[in-house]
Amino acid sequence: MRHVLATNLLSIRKIRNMSQENMEEVTDVSANEIGKIEREETSPGLDTITALALGLGLEVKQLLDSDLDTAAVFLNRKGGSE
């Protein structure tokens, strides 16, 4: 599960052209924590996963889905360079 979340979070950032700092602004999860999640150095709790999903305009299940729907991720974009 850690790998899926890490991969999806990084993919979402790239699709939306966001830095970790941009993601921090919309999710209230620190850029440092986002980096640790993406590098699979930590297993975030439910509160952190929920904050990420809500801030990104996604559902928790989308963040944890091994078949991430990239079109939905792009269409539900928040933050980043728009």
PDB file of N, CA and C in Angstrom:
ATOM      1  N   MET A   1       0.822  -1.187   0.000  1.00  0.00           N
ATOM      2  CA  MET A   1       0.000   0.000   0.000  1.00  0.00           C
ATOM      3  C   MET A   1       0.873   1.261   0.000  1.00  0.00           C
ATOM      4  N   ARG A   2       1.995   1.199   0.716  1.00  0.00           N
ATOM      5  CA  ARG A   2       2.903   2.347   0.774  1.00  0.00           C
ATOM      6  C   ARG A   2       3.409   2.705  -0.624  1.00  0.00           C
ATOM      7  N   HIS A   3       3.741   1.675  -1.403  1.00  0.00           N
ATOM      8  CA  HIS A   3       4.262   1.905  -2.748  1.00  0.00           C
ATOM      9  C   HIS A   3       3.198   2.541  -3.651  1.00  0.00           C
ATOM     10  N   VAL A   4       1.971   2.058  -3.554  1.00  0.00           N
ATOM     11  CA  VAL A   4       0.884   2.597  -4.380  1.00  0.00           C
ATOM     12  C   VAL A   4       0.655   4.070  -4.052  1.00  0.00           C
ATOM     13  N   LEU A   5       0.580   4.404  -2.772  1.00  0.00           N
ATOM     14  CA  LEU A   5       0.374   5.795  -2.369  1.00  0.00           C
ATOM     15  C   LEU A   5       1.533   6.670  -2.851  1.00  0.00           C
ATOM     16  N   ALA A   6       2.746   6.195  -2.676  1.00  0.00           N
ATOM     17  CA  ALA A   6       3.925   6.964  -3.102  1.00  0.00           C
ATOM     18  C   ALA A   6       3.893   7.222  -4.601  1.00  0.00           C
ATOM     19  N   THR A   7       3.618   6.194  -5.367  1.00  0.00           N
ATOM     20  CA  THR A   7       3.574   6.307  -6.823  1.00  0.00           C
ATOM     21  C   THR A   7       2.459   7.251  -7.261  1.00  0.00           C
ATOM     22  N   ASN A   8       1.283   7.103  -6.663  1.00  0.00           N
ATOM     23  CA  ASN A   8       0.145   7.945  -7.035  1.00  0.00           C
ATOM     24  C   ASN A   8       0.381   9.407  -6.673  1.00  0.00           C
ATOM     25  N   LEU A   9       0.917   9.650  -5.503  1.00  0.00           N
ATOM     26  CA  LEU A   9       1.153  11.025  -5.076  1.00  0.00           C
ATOM     27  C   LEU A   9       2.142  11.716  -6.008  1.00  0.00           C
ATOM     28  N   LEU A  10       3.208  11.026  -6.362  1.00  0.00           N
ATOM     29  CA  LEU A  10       4.194  11.585  -7.290  1.00  0.00           C
ATOM     30  C   LEU A  10       3.572  11.802  -8.672  1.00  0.00           C
ATOM     31  N   SER A  11       2.778  10.853  -9.130  1.00  0.00           N
ATOM     32  CA  SER A  11       2.114  10.987 -10.429  1.00  0.00           C
ATOM     33  C   SER A  11       1.179  12.192 -10.446  1.00  0.00           C
ATOM     34  N   ILE A  12       0.424  12.357  -9.378  1.00  0.00           N
ATOM     35  CA  ILE A  12      -0.508  13.485  -9.285  1.00  0.00           C
ATOM     36  C   ILE A  12       0.254  14.801  -9.340  1.00  0.00           C
ATOM     37  N   ARG A  13       1.354  14.884  -8.602  1.00  0.00           N
ATOM     38  CA  ARG A  13       2.154  16.120  -8.629  1.00  0.00           C
ATOM     39  C   ARG A  13       2.637  16.426 -10.031  1.00  0.00           C
ATOM     40  N   LYS A  14       3.115  15.401 -10.734  1.00  0.00           N
ATOM     41  CA  LYS A  14       3.647  15.608 -12.078  1.00  0.00           C
ATOM     42  C   LYS A  14       2.532  15.972 -13.058  1.00  0.00           C
ATOM     43  N   ILE A  15       1.394  15.284 -12.992  1.00  0.00           N
ATOM     44  CA  ILE A  15       0.261  15.566 -13.879  1.00  0.00           C
ATOM     45  C   ILE A  15      -0.208  17.002 -13.701  1.00  0.00           C
ATOM     46  N   ARG A  16      -0.223  17.460 -12.456  1.00  0.00           N
ATOM     47  CA  ARG A  16      -0.720  18.807 -12.153  1.00  0.00           C
ATOM     48  C   ARG A  16       0.383  19.859 -12.134  1.00  0.00           C
ATOM     49  N   ASN A  17       1.591  19.439 -12.458  1.00  0.00           N
ATOM     50  CA  ASN A  17       2.732  20.359 -12.487  1.00  0.00           C
ATOM     51  C   ASN A  17       2.887  21.096 -11.155  1.00  0.00           C
ATOM     52  N   MET A  18       2.859  20.334 -10.078  1.00  0.00           N
ATOM     53  CA  MET A  18       2.956  20.893  -8.729  1.00  0.00           C
ATOM     54  C   MET A  18       4.300  20.541  -8.103  1.00  0.00           C
ATOM     55  N   SER A  19       4.820  21.449  -7.313  1.00  0.00           N
ATOM     56  CA  SER A  19       5.975  21.141  -6.469  1.00  0.00           C
ATOM     57  C   SER A  19       5.434  20.577  -5.154  1.00  0.00           C
ATOM     58  N   GLN A  20       6.328  20.053  -4.348  1.00  0.00           N
ATOM     59  CA  GLN A  20       5.906  19.591  -3.016  1.00  0.00           C
ATOM     60  C   GLN A  20       5.393  20.774  -2.201  1.00  0.00           C
ATOM     61  N   GLU A  21       5.948  21.941  -2.436  1.00  0.00           N
ATOM     62  CA  GLU A  21       5.500  23.139  -1.718  1.00  0.00           C
ATOM     63  C   GLU A  21       4.097  23.549  -2.158  1.00  0.00           C
ATOM     64  N   ASN A  22       3.802  23.432  -3.469  1.00  0.00           N
ATOM     65  CA  ASN A  22       2.443  23.705  -3.952  1.00  0.00           C
ATOM     66  C   ASN A  22       1.452  22.755  -3.305  1.00  0.00           C
ATOM     67  N   MET A  23       1.848  21.480  -3.232  1.00  0.00           N
ATOM     68  CA  MET A  23       0.965  20.480  -2.644  1.00  0.00           C
ATOM     69  C   MET A  23       0.750  20.770  -1.165  1.00  0.00           C
ATOM     70  N   GLU A  24       1.790  21.229  -0.488  1.00  0.00           N
ATOM     71  CA  GLU A  24       1.666  21.598   0.923  1.00  0.00           C
ATOM     72  C   GLU A  24       0.609  22.689   1.099  1.00  0.00           C
ATOM     73  N   GLU A  25       0.611  23.667   0.213  1.00  0.00           N
ATOM     74  CA  GLU A  25      -0.336  24.782   0.307  1.00  0.00           C
ATOM     75  C   GLU A  25      -1.786  24.331   0.223  1.00  0.00           C
ATOM     76  N   VAL A  26      -2.079  23.343  -0.619  1.00  0.00           N
ATOM     77  CA  VAL A  26      -3.471  22.926  -0.800  1.00  0.00           C
ATOM     78  C   VAL A  26      -3.901  21.792   0.122  1.00  0.00           C
ATOM     79  N   THR A  27      -2.928  21.103   0.725  1.00  0.00           N
ATOM     80  CA  THR A  27      -3.286  19.944   1.566  1.00  0.00           C
ATOM     81  C   THR A  27      -3.010  20.157   3.049  1.00  0.00           C
ATOM     82  N   ASP A  28      -2.217  21.150   3.397  1.00  0.00           N
ATOM     83  CA  ASP A  28      -1.772  21.356   4.780  1.00  0.00           C
ATOM     84  C   ASP A  28      -0.937  20.193   5.307  1.00  0.00           C
ATOM     85  N   VAL A  29      -0.340  19.424   4.395  1.00  0.00           N
ATOM     86  CA  VAL A  29       0.630  18.386   4.753  1.00  0.00           C
ATOM     87  C   VAL A  29       1.983  18.952   4.344  1.00  0.00           C
ATOM     88  N   SER A  30       2.954  18.937   5.249  1.00  0.00           N
ATOM     89  CA  SER A  30       4.234  19.584   4.976  1.00  0.00           C
ATOM     90  C   SER A  30       4.932  18.990   3.753  1.00  0.00           C
ATOM     91  N   ALA A  31       5.656  19.842   3.048  1.00  0.00           N
ATOM     92  CA  ALA A  31       6.426  19.397   1.888  1.00  0.00           C
ATOM     93  C   ALA A  31       7.409  18.306   2.291  1.00  0.00           C
ATOM     94  N   ASN A  32       7.967  18.409   3.477  1.00  0.00           N
ATOM     95  CA  ASN A  32       8.885  17.399   3.986  1.00  0.00           C
ATOM     96  C   ASN A  32       8.182  16.043   4.120  1.00  0.00           C
ATOM     97  N   GLU A  33       6.967  16.056   4.666  1.00  0.00           N
ATOM     98  CA  GLU A  33       6.190  14.817   4.823  1.00  0.00           C
ATOM     99  C   GLU A  33       5.805  14.250   3.465  1.00  0.00           C
ATOM    100  N   ILE A  34       5.426  15.110   2.536  1.00  0.00           N
ATOM    101  CA  ILE A  34       5.075  14.666   1.186  1.00  0.00           C
ATOM    102  C   ILE A  34       6.283  13.975   0.545  1.00  0.00           C
ATOM    103  N   GLY A  35       7.459  14.554   0.703  1.00  0.00           N
ATOM    104  CA  GLY A  35       8.672  13.942   0.173  1.00  0.00           C
ATOM    105  C   GLY A  35       8.941  12.576   0.777  1.00  0.00           C
ATOM    106  N   LYS A  36       8.756  12.458   2.080  1.00  0.00           N
ATOM    107  CA  LYS A  36       8.963  11.168   2.749  1.00  0.00           C
ATOM    108  C   LYS A  36       7.971  10.121   2.253  1.00  0.00           C
ATOM    109  N   ILE A  37       6.728  10.538   2.024  1.00  0.00           N
ATOM    110  CA  ILE A  37       5.718   9.602   1.506  1.00  0.00           C
ATOM    111  C   ILE A  37       6.107   9.150   0.108  1.00  0.00           C
ATOM    112  N   GLU A  38       6.503  10.100  -0.738  1.00  0.00           N
ATOM    113  CA  GLU A  38       6.883   9.761  -2.115  1.00  0.00           C
ATOM    114  C   GLU A  38       8.111   8.865  -2.173  1.00  0.00           C
ATOM    115  N   ARG A  39       9.009   8.996  -1.222  1.00  0.00           N
ATOM    116  CA  ARG A  39      10.225   8.160  -1.188  1.00  0.00           C
ATOM    117  C   ARG A  39      10.005   6.867  -0.394  1.00  0.00           C
ATOM    118  N   GLU A  40       8.770   6.664   0.060  1.00  0.00           N
ATOM    119  CA  GLU A  40       8.395   5.472   0.834  1.00  0.00           C
ATOM    120  C   GLU A  40       9.199   5.354   2.127  1.00  0.00           C
ATOM    121  N   GLU A  41       9.510   6.498   2.730  1.00  0.00           N
ATOM    122  CA  GLU A  41      10.245   6.517   3.992  1.00  0.00           C
ATOM    123  C   GLU A  41       9.320   6.545   5.197  1.00  0.00           C
ATOM    124  N   THR A  42       8.025   6.715   4.958  1.00  0.00           N
ATOM    125  CA  THR A  42       7.063   6.768   6.050  1.00  0.00           C
ATOM    126  C   THR A  42       5.733   6.206   5.582  1.00  0.00           C
ATOM    127  N   SER A  43       4.959   5.731   6.528  1.00  0.00           N
ATOM    128  CA  SER A  43       3.595   5.277   6.254  1.00  0.00           C
ATOM    129  C   SER A  43       2.654   6.261   6.925  1.00  0.00           C
ATOM    130  N   PRO A  44       2.034   7.141   6.149  1.00  0.00           N
ATOM    131  CA  PRO A  44       1.178   8.162   6.740  1.00  0.00           C
ATOM    132  C   PRO A  44      -0.081   7.566   7.354  1.00  0.00           C
ATOM    133  N   GLY A  45      -0.596   8.256   8.348  1.00  0.00           N
ATOM    134  CA  GLY A  45      -1.833   7.832   8.986  1.00  0.00           C
ATOM    135  C   GLY A  45      -3.033   8.253   8.166  1.00  0.00           C
ATOM    136  N   LEU A  46      -4.192   7.811   8.608  1.00  0.00           N
ATOM    137  CA  LEU A  46      -5.433   8.105   7.899  1.00  0.00           C
ATOM    138  C   LEU A  46      -5.701   9.607   7.818  1.00  0.00           C
ATOM    139  N   ASP A  47      -5.385  10.344   8.884  1.00  0.00           N
ATOM    140  CA  ASP A  47      -5.603  11.793   8.861  1.00  0.00           C
ATOM    141  C   ASP A  47      -4.786  12.460   7.755  1.00  0.00           C
ATOM    142  N   THR A  48      -3.547  12.035   7.585  1.00  0.00           N
ATOM    143  CA  THR A  48      -2.681  12.610   6.548  1.00  0.00           C
ATOM    144  C   THR A  48      -3.182  12.235   5.162  1.00  0.00           C
ATOM    145  N   ILE A  49      -3.553  10.980   4.980  1.00  0.00           N
ATOM    146  CA  ILE A  49      -4.053  10.531   3.681  1.00  0.00           C
ATOM    147  C   ILE A  49      -5.339  11.281   3.330  1.00  0.00           C
ATOM    148  N   THR A  50      -6.206  11.466   4.317  1.00  0.00           N
ATOM    149  CA  THR A  50      -7.459  12.193   4.105  1.00  0.00           C
ATOM    150  C   THR A  50      -7.184  13.649   3.741  1.00  0.00           C
ATOM    151  N   ALA A  51      -6.242  14.282   4.434  1.00  0.00           N
ATOM    152  CA  ALA A  51      -5.888  15.680   4.138  1.00  0.00           C
ATOM    153  C   ALA A  51      -5.348  15.799   2.717  1.00  0.00           C
ATOM    154  N   LEU A  52      -4.530  14.857   2.299  1.00  0.00           N
ATOM    155  CA  LEU A  52      -4.001  14.870   0.936  1.00  0.00           C
ATOM    156  C   LEU A  52      -5.136  14.765  -0.075  1.00  0.00           C
ATOM    157  N   ALA A  53      -6.019  13.800   0.136  1.00  0.00           N
ATOM    158  CA  ALA A  53      -7.120  13.584  -0.802  1.00  0.00           C
ATOM    159  C   ALA A  53      -8.032  14.808  -0.877  1.00  0.00           C
ATOM    160  N   LEU A  54      -8.447  15.311   0.263  1.00  0.00           N
ATOM    161  CA  LEU A  54      -9.353  16.465   0.275  1.00  0.00           C
ATOM    162  C   LEU A  54      -8.717  17.690  -0.363  1.00  0.00           C
ATOM    163  N   GLY A  55      -7.470  17.940  -0.030  1.00  0.00           N
ATOM    164  CA  GLY A  55      -6.775  19.093  -0.584  1.00  0.00           C
ATOM    165  C   GLY A  55      -6.593  19.010  -2.090  1.00  0.00           C
ATOM    166  N   LEU A  56      -6.504  17.785  -2.601  1.00  0.00           N
ATOM    167  CA  LEU A  56      -6.310  17.581  -4.035  1.00  0.00           C
ATOM    168  C   LEU A  56      -7.623  17.386  -4.778  1.00  0.00           C
ATOM    169  N   GLY A  57      -8.740  17.431  -4.042  1.00  0.00           N
ATOM    170  CA  GLY A  57     -10.045  17.264  -4.673  1.00  0.00           C
ATOM    171  C   GLY A  57     -10.323  15.844  -5.119  1.00  0.00           C
ATOM    172  N   LEU A  58      -9.725  14.884  -4.409  1.00  0.00           N
ATOM    173  CA  LEU A  58      -9.889  13.474  -4.742  1.00  0.00           C
ATOM    174  C   LEU A  58     -10.503  12.727  -3.567  1.00  0.00           C
ATOM    175  N   GLU A  59     -10.866  11.492  -3.806  1.00  0.00           N
ATOM    176  CA  GLU A  59     -11.319  10.612  -2.728  1.00  0.00           C
ATOM    177  C   GLU A  59     -10.122   9.792  -2.247  1.00  0.00           C
ATOM    178  N   VAL A  60     -10.157   9.398  -0.984  1.00  0.00           N
ATOM    179  CA  VAL A  60      -9.069   8.594  -0.421  1.00  0.00           C
ATOM    180  C   VAL A  60      -8.832   7.359  -1.281  1.00  0.00           C
ATOM    181  N   LYS A  61      -9.905   6.722  -1.724  1.00  0.00           N
ATOM    182  CA  LYS A  61      -9.737   5.486  -2.503  1.00  0.00           C
ATOM    183  C   LYS A  61      -8.973   5.734  -3.803  1.00  0.00           C
ATOM    184  N   GLN A  62      -9.069   6.955  -4.355  1.00  0.00           N
ATOM    185  CA  GLN A  62      -8.310   7.260  -5.566  1.00  0.00           C
ATOM    186  C   GLN A  62      -6.810   7.303  -5.281  1.00  0.00           C
ATOM    187  N   LEU A  63      -6.434   7.838  -4.132  1.00  0.00           N
ATOM    188  CA  LEU A  63      -5.013   7.888  -3.771  1.00  0.00           C
ATOM    189  C   LEU A  63      -4.436   6.497  -3.550  1.00  0.00           C
ATOM    190  N   LEU A  64      -5.289   5.572  -3.123  1.00  0.00           N
ATOM    191  CA  LEU A  64      -4.823   4.238  -2.769  1.00  0.00           C
ATOM    192  C   LEU A  64      -5.100   3.198  -3.851  1.00  0.00           C
ATOM    193  N   ASP A  65      -5.581   3.644  -5.005  1.00  0.00           N
ATOM    194  CA  ASP A  65      -5.948   2.740  -6.091  1.00  0.00           C
ATOM    195  C   ASP A  65      -4.725   2.447  -6.955  1.00  0.00           C
ATOM    196  N   SER A  66      -4.424   1.177  -7.144  1.00  0.00           N
ATOM    197  CA  SER A  66      -3.258   0.815  -7.953  1.00  0.00           C
ATOM    198  C   SER A  66      -3.482   1.116  -9.433  1.00  0.00           C
ATOM    199  N   ASP A  67      -4.719   1.363  -9.828  1.00  0.00           N
ATOM    200  CA  ASP A  67      -5.039   1.754 -11.210  1.00  0.00           C
ATOM    201  C   ASP A  67      -5.524   3.198 -11.215  1.00  0.00           C
ATOM    202  N   LEU A  68      -4.642   4.112 -10.863  1.00  0.00           N
ATOM    203  CA  LEU A  68      -4.980   5.526 -10.766  1.00  0.00           C
ATOM    204  C   LEU A  68      -5.555   6.040 -12.082  1.00  0.00           C
ATOM    205  N   ASP A  69      -6.710   6.693 -12.010  1.00  0.00           N
ATOM    206  CA  ASP A  69      -7.366   7.276 -13.177  1.00  0.00           C
ATOM    207  C   ASP A  69      -6.770   8.662 -13.399  1.00  0.00           C
ATOM    208  N   THR A  70      -5.780   8.740 -14.284  1.00  0.00           N
ATOM    209  CA  THR A  70      -5.060  10.003 -14.465  1.00  0.00           C
ATOM    210  C   THR A  70      -5.943  11.097 -15.051  1.00  0.00           C
ATOM    211  N   ALA A  71      -6.943  10.733 -15.843  1.00  0.00           N
ATOM    212  CA  ALA A  71      -7.851  11.751 -16.392  1.00  0.00           C
ATOM    213  C   ALA A  71      -8.627  12.417 -15.264  1.00  0.00           C
ATOM    214  N   ALA A  72      -9.119  11.631 -14.328  1.00  0.00           N
ATOM    215  CA  ALA A  72      -9.860  12.186 -13.188  1.00  0.00           C
ATOM    216  C   ALA A  72      -8.951  13.057 -12.336  1.00  0.00           C
ATOM    217  N   VAL A  73      -7.713  12.639 -12.161  1.00  0.00           N
ATOM    218  CA  VAL A  73      -6.748  13.413 -11.380  1.00  0.00           C
ATOM    219  C   VAL A  73      -6.524  14.768 -12.029  1.00  0.00           C
ATOM    220  N   PHE A  74      -6.408  14.783 -13.342  1.00  0.00           N
ATOM    221  CA  PHE A  74      -6.178  16.041 -14.045  1.00  0.00           C
ATOM    222  C   PHE A  74      -7.416  16.934 -13.993  1.00  0.00           C
ATOM    223  N   LEU A  75      -8.573  16.363 -14.203  1.00  0.00           N
ATOM    224  CA  LEU A  75      -9.809  17.147 -14.240  1.00  0.00           C
ATOM    225  C   LEU A  75     -10.200  17.702 -12.876  1.00  0.00           C
ATOM    226  N   ASN A  76      -9.834  17.023 -11.810  1.00  0.00           N
ATOM    227  CA  ASN A  76     -10.166  17.466 -10.455  1.00  0.00           C
ATOM    228  C   ASN A  76      -9.024  18.250  -9.821  1.00  0.00           C
ATOM    229  N   ARG A  77      -8.266  18.931 -10.612  1.00  0.00           N
ATOM    230  CA  ARG A  77      -7.052  19.586 -10.142  1.00  0.00           C
ATOM    231  C   ARG A  77      -7.330  20.786  -9.238  1.00  0.00           C
ATOM    232  N   LYS A  78      -6.486  20.903  -8.233  1.00  0.00           N
ATOM    233  CA  LYS A  78      -6.451  22.075  -7.350  1.00  0.00           C
ATOM    234  C   LYS A  78      -4.989  22.445  -7.198  1.00  0.00           C
ATOM    235  N   GLY A  79      -4.701  23.720  -7.134  1.00  0.00           N
ATOM    236  CA  GLY A  79      -3.321  24.155  -6.929  1.00  0.00           C
ATOM    237  C   GLY A  79      -2.497  24.003  -8.189  1.00  0.00           C
ATOM    238  N   GLY A  80      -1.204  24.080  -8.032  1.00  0.00           N
ATOM    239  CA  GLY A  80      -0.289  23.927  -9.155  1.00  0.00           C
ATOM    240  C   GLY A  80      -0.249  25.162 -10.027  1.00  0.00           C
ATOM    241  N   SER A  81       0.307  25.019 -11.185  1.00  0.00           N
ATOM    242  CA  SER A  81       0.482  26.139 -12.111  1.00  0.00           C
ATOM    243  C   SER A  81      -0.684  26.163 -13.088  1.00  0.00           C
ATOM    244  N   GLU A  82      -1.691  26.937 -12.795  1.00  0.00           N
ATOM    245  CA  GLU A  82      -2.877  27.001 -13.646  1.00  0.00           C
ATOM    246  C   GLU A  82      -2.996  28.360 -14.272  1.00  0.00           C
TER     247      GLU A  82
END
